[in-house]
Amino acid sequence: MVGLVNYIRESFEELRDHVKWTPLQELQKMTLVVVVFSVIFALIIWLADTILSEVFKVYFDLL
């Protein structure tokens, strides 16, 4: 049990003293970039799905 407590304490010390955290302003910019590209990618996938659905519908109606 003592080993677990030491592990947790050392982990918090490592996070507090040795990890270089990204500045908040840079983190917000990167998050915005990810959100914008995710929305664009989702719209492209939706458009491709819609077009392919219509193509297959026309194809199977011809059969």
C-alpha atoms as a PDB file:
ATOM      1  CA  MET A   1       0.000   0.000   0.000  1.00  0.00           C
ATOM      2  CA  VAL A   2       2.902   2.362   0.777  1.00  0.00           C
ATOM      3  CA  GLY A   3       4.277   1.763  -2.716  1.00  0.00           C
ATOM      4  CA  LEU A   4       0.993   2.844  -4.285  1.00  0.00           C
ATOM      5  CA  VAL A   5       0.872   6.046  -2.227  1.00  0.00           C
ATOM      6  CA  ASN A   6       4.476   6.869  -3.162  1.00  0.00           C
ATOM      7  CA  TYR A   7       3.721   6.219  -6.825  1.00  0.00           C
ATOM      8  CA  ILE A   8       0.735   8.582  -6.774  1.00  0.00           C
ATOM      9  CA  ARG A   9       2.678  11.282  -4.890  1.00  0.00           C
ATOM     10  CA  GLU A  10       5.633  11.055  -7.293  1.00  0.00           C
ATOM     11  CA  SER A  11       3.288  11.168 -10.283  1.00  0.00           C
ATOM     12  CA  PHE A  12       1.745  14.424  -9.074  1.00  0.00           C
ATOM     13  CA  GLU A  13       5.198  15.866  -8.391  1.00  0.00           C
ATOM     14  CA  GLU A  14       6.282  14.929 -11.902  1.00  0.00           C
ATOM     15  CA  LEU A  15       3.225  16.627 -13.407  1.00  0.00           C
ATOM     16  CA  ARG A  16       3.694  19.730 -11.278  1.00  0.00           C
ATOM     17  CA  ASP A  17       7.464  20.190 -11.557  1.00  0.00           C
ATOM     18  CA  HIS A  18       8.703  18.579 -14.776  1.00  0.00           C
ATOM     19  CA  VAL A  19       5.939  18.673 -17.372  1.00  0.00           C
ATOM     20  CA  LYS A  20       5.894  21.692 -19.680  1.00  0.00           C
ATOM     21  CA  TRP A  21       2.246  22.588 -20.208  1.00  0.00           C
ATOM     22  CA  THR A  22       1.027  24.263 -23.391  1.00  0.00           C
ATOM     23  CA  PRO A  23       0.051  27.905 -22.837  1.00  0.00           C
ATOM     24  CA  LEU A  24      -3.709  28.427 -22.702  1.00  0.00           C
ATOM     25  CA  GLN A  25      -3.840  30.777 -25.710  1.00  0.00           C
ATOM     26  CA  GLU A  26      -1.933  28.306 -27.915  1.00  0.00           C
ATOM     27  CA  LEU A  27      -4.093  25.451 -26.654  1.00  0.00           C
ATOM     28  CA  GLN A  28      -7.263  27.361 -27.598  1.00  0.00           C
ATOM     29  CA  LYS A  29      -5.916  28.051 -31.114  1.00  0.00           C
ATOM     30  CA  MET A  30      -5.006  24.391 -31.630  1.00  0.00           C
ATOM     31  CA  THR A  31      -8.405  23.291 -30.342  1.00  0.00           C
ATOM     32  CA  LEU A  32     -10.148  25.659 -32.759  1.00  0.00           C
ATOM     33  CA  VAL A  33      -8.108  24.272 -35.662  1.00  0.00           C
ATOM     34  CA  VAL A  34      -9.075  20.706 -34.726  1.00  0.00           C
ATOM     35  CA  VAL A  35     -12.763  21.622 -34.421  1.00  0.00           C
ATOM     36  CA  VAL A  36     -12.801  23.448 -37.781  1.00  0.00           C
ATOM     37  CA  PHE A  37     -11.084  20.598 -39.620  1.00  0.00           C
ATOM     38  CA  SER A  38     -13.358  18.049 -37.939  1.00  0.00           C
ATOM     39  CA  VAL A  39     -16.452  19.924 -39.118  1.00  0.00           C
ATOM     40  CA  ILE A  40     -15.044  20.278 -42.641  1.00  0.00           C
ATOM     41  CA  PHE A  41     -14.140  16.582 -42.756  1.00  0.00           C
ATOM     42  CA  ALA A  42     -17.594  15.597 -41.467  1.00  0.00           C
ATOM     43  CA  LEU A  43     -19.250  17.726 -44.163  1.00  0.00           C
ATOM     44  CA  ILE A  44     -17.101  16.122 -46.862  1.00  0.00           C
ATOM     45  CA  ILE A  45     -18.002  12.630 -45.612  1.00  0.00           C
ATOM     46  CA  TRP A  46     -21.710  13.578 -45.479  1.00  0.00           C
ATOM     47  CA  LEU A  47     -21.565  14.975 -49.033  1.00  0.00           C
ATOM     48  CA  ALA A  48     -19.792  11.874 -50.364  1.00  0.00           C
ATOM     49  CA  ASP A  49     -22.295   9.610 -48.609  1.00  0.00           C
ATOM     50  CA  THR A  50     -25.247  11.550 -50.020  1.00  0.00           C
ATOM     51  CA  ILE A  51     -23.868  11.497 -53.570  1.00  0.00           C
ATOM     52  CA  LEU A  52     -23.013   7.800 -53.425  1.00  0.00           C
ATOM     53  CA  SER A  53     -26.452   6.977 -52.010  1.00  0.00           C
ATOM     54  CA  GLU A  54     -28.109   8.748 -54.919  1.00  0.00           C
ATOM     55  CA  VAL A  55     -25.812   7.065 -57.436  1.00  0.00           C
ATOM     56  CA  PHE A  56     -26.587   3.623 -56.028  1.00  0.00           C
ATOM     57  CA  LYS A  57     -30.302   4.419 -55.905  1.00  0.00           C
ATOM     58  CA  VAL A  58     -30.314   5.384 -59.587  1.00  0.00           C
ATOM     59  CA  TYR A  59     -28.230   2.323 -60.462  1.00  0.00           C
ATOM     60  CA  PHE A  60     -30.517  -0.117 -58.665  1.00  0.00           C
ATOM     61  CA  ASP A  61     -33.642   1.540 -60.082  1.00  0.00           C
ATOM     62  CA  LEU A  62     -32.260   0.839 -63.556  1.00  0.00           C
ATOM     63  CA  LEU A  63     -31.883  -2.867 -62.805  1.00  0.00           C
END
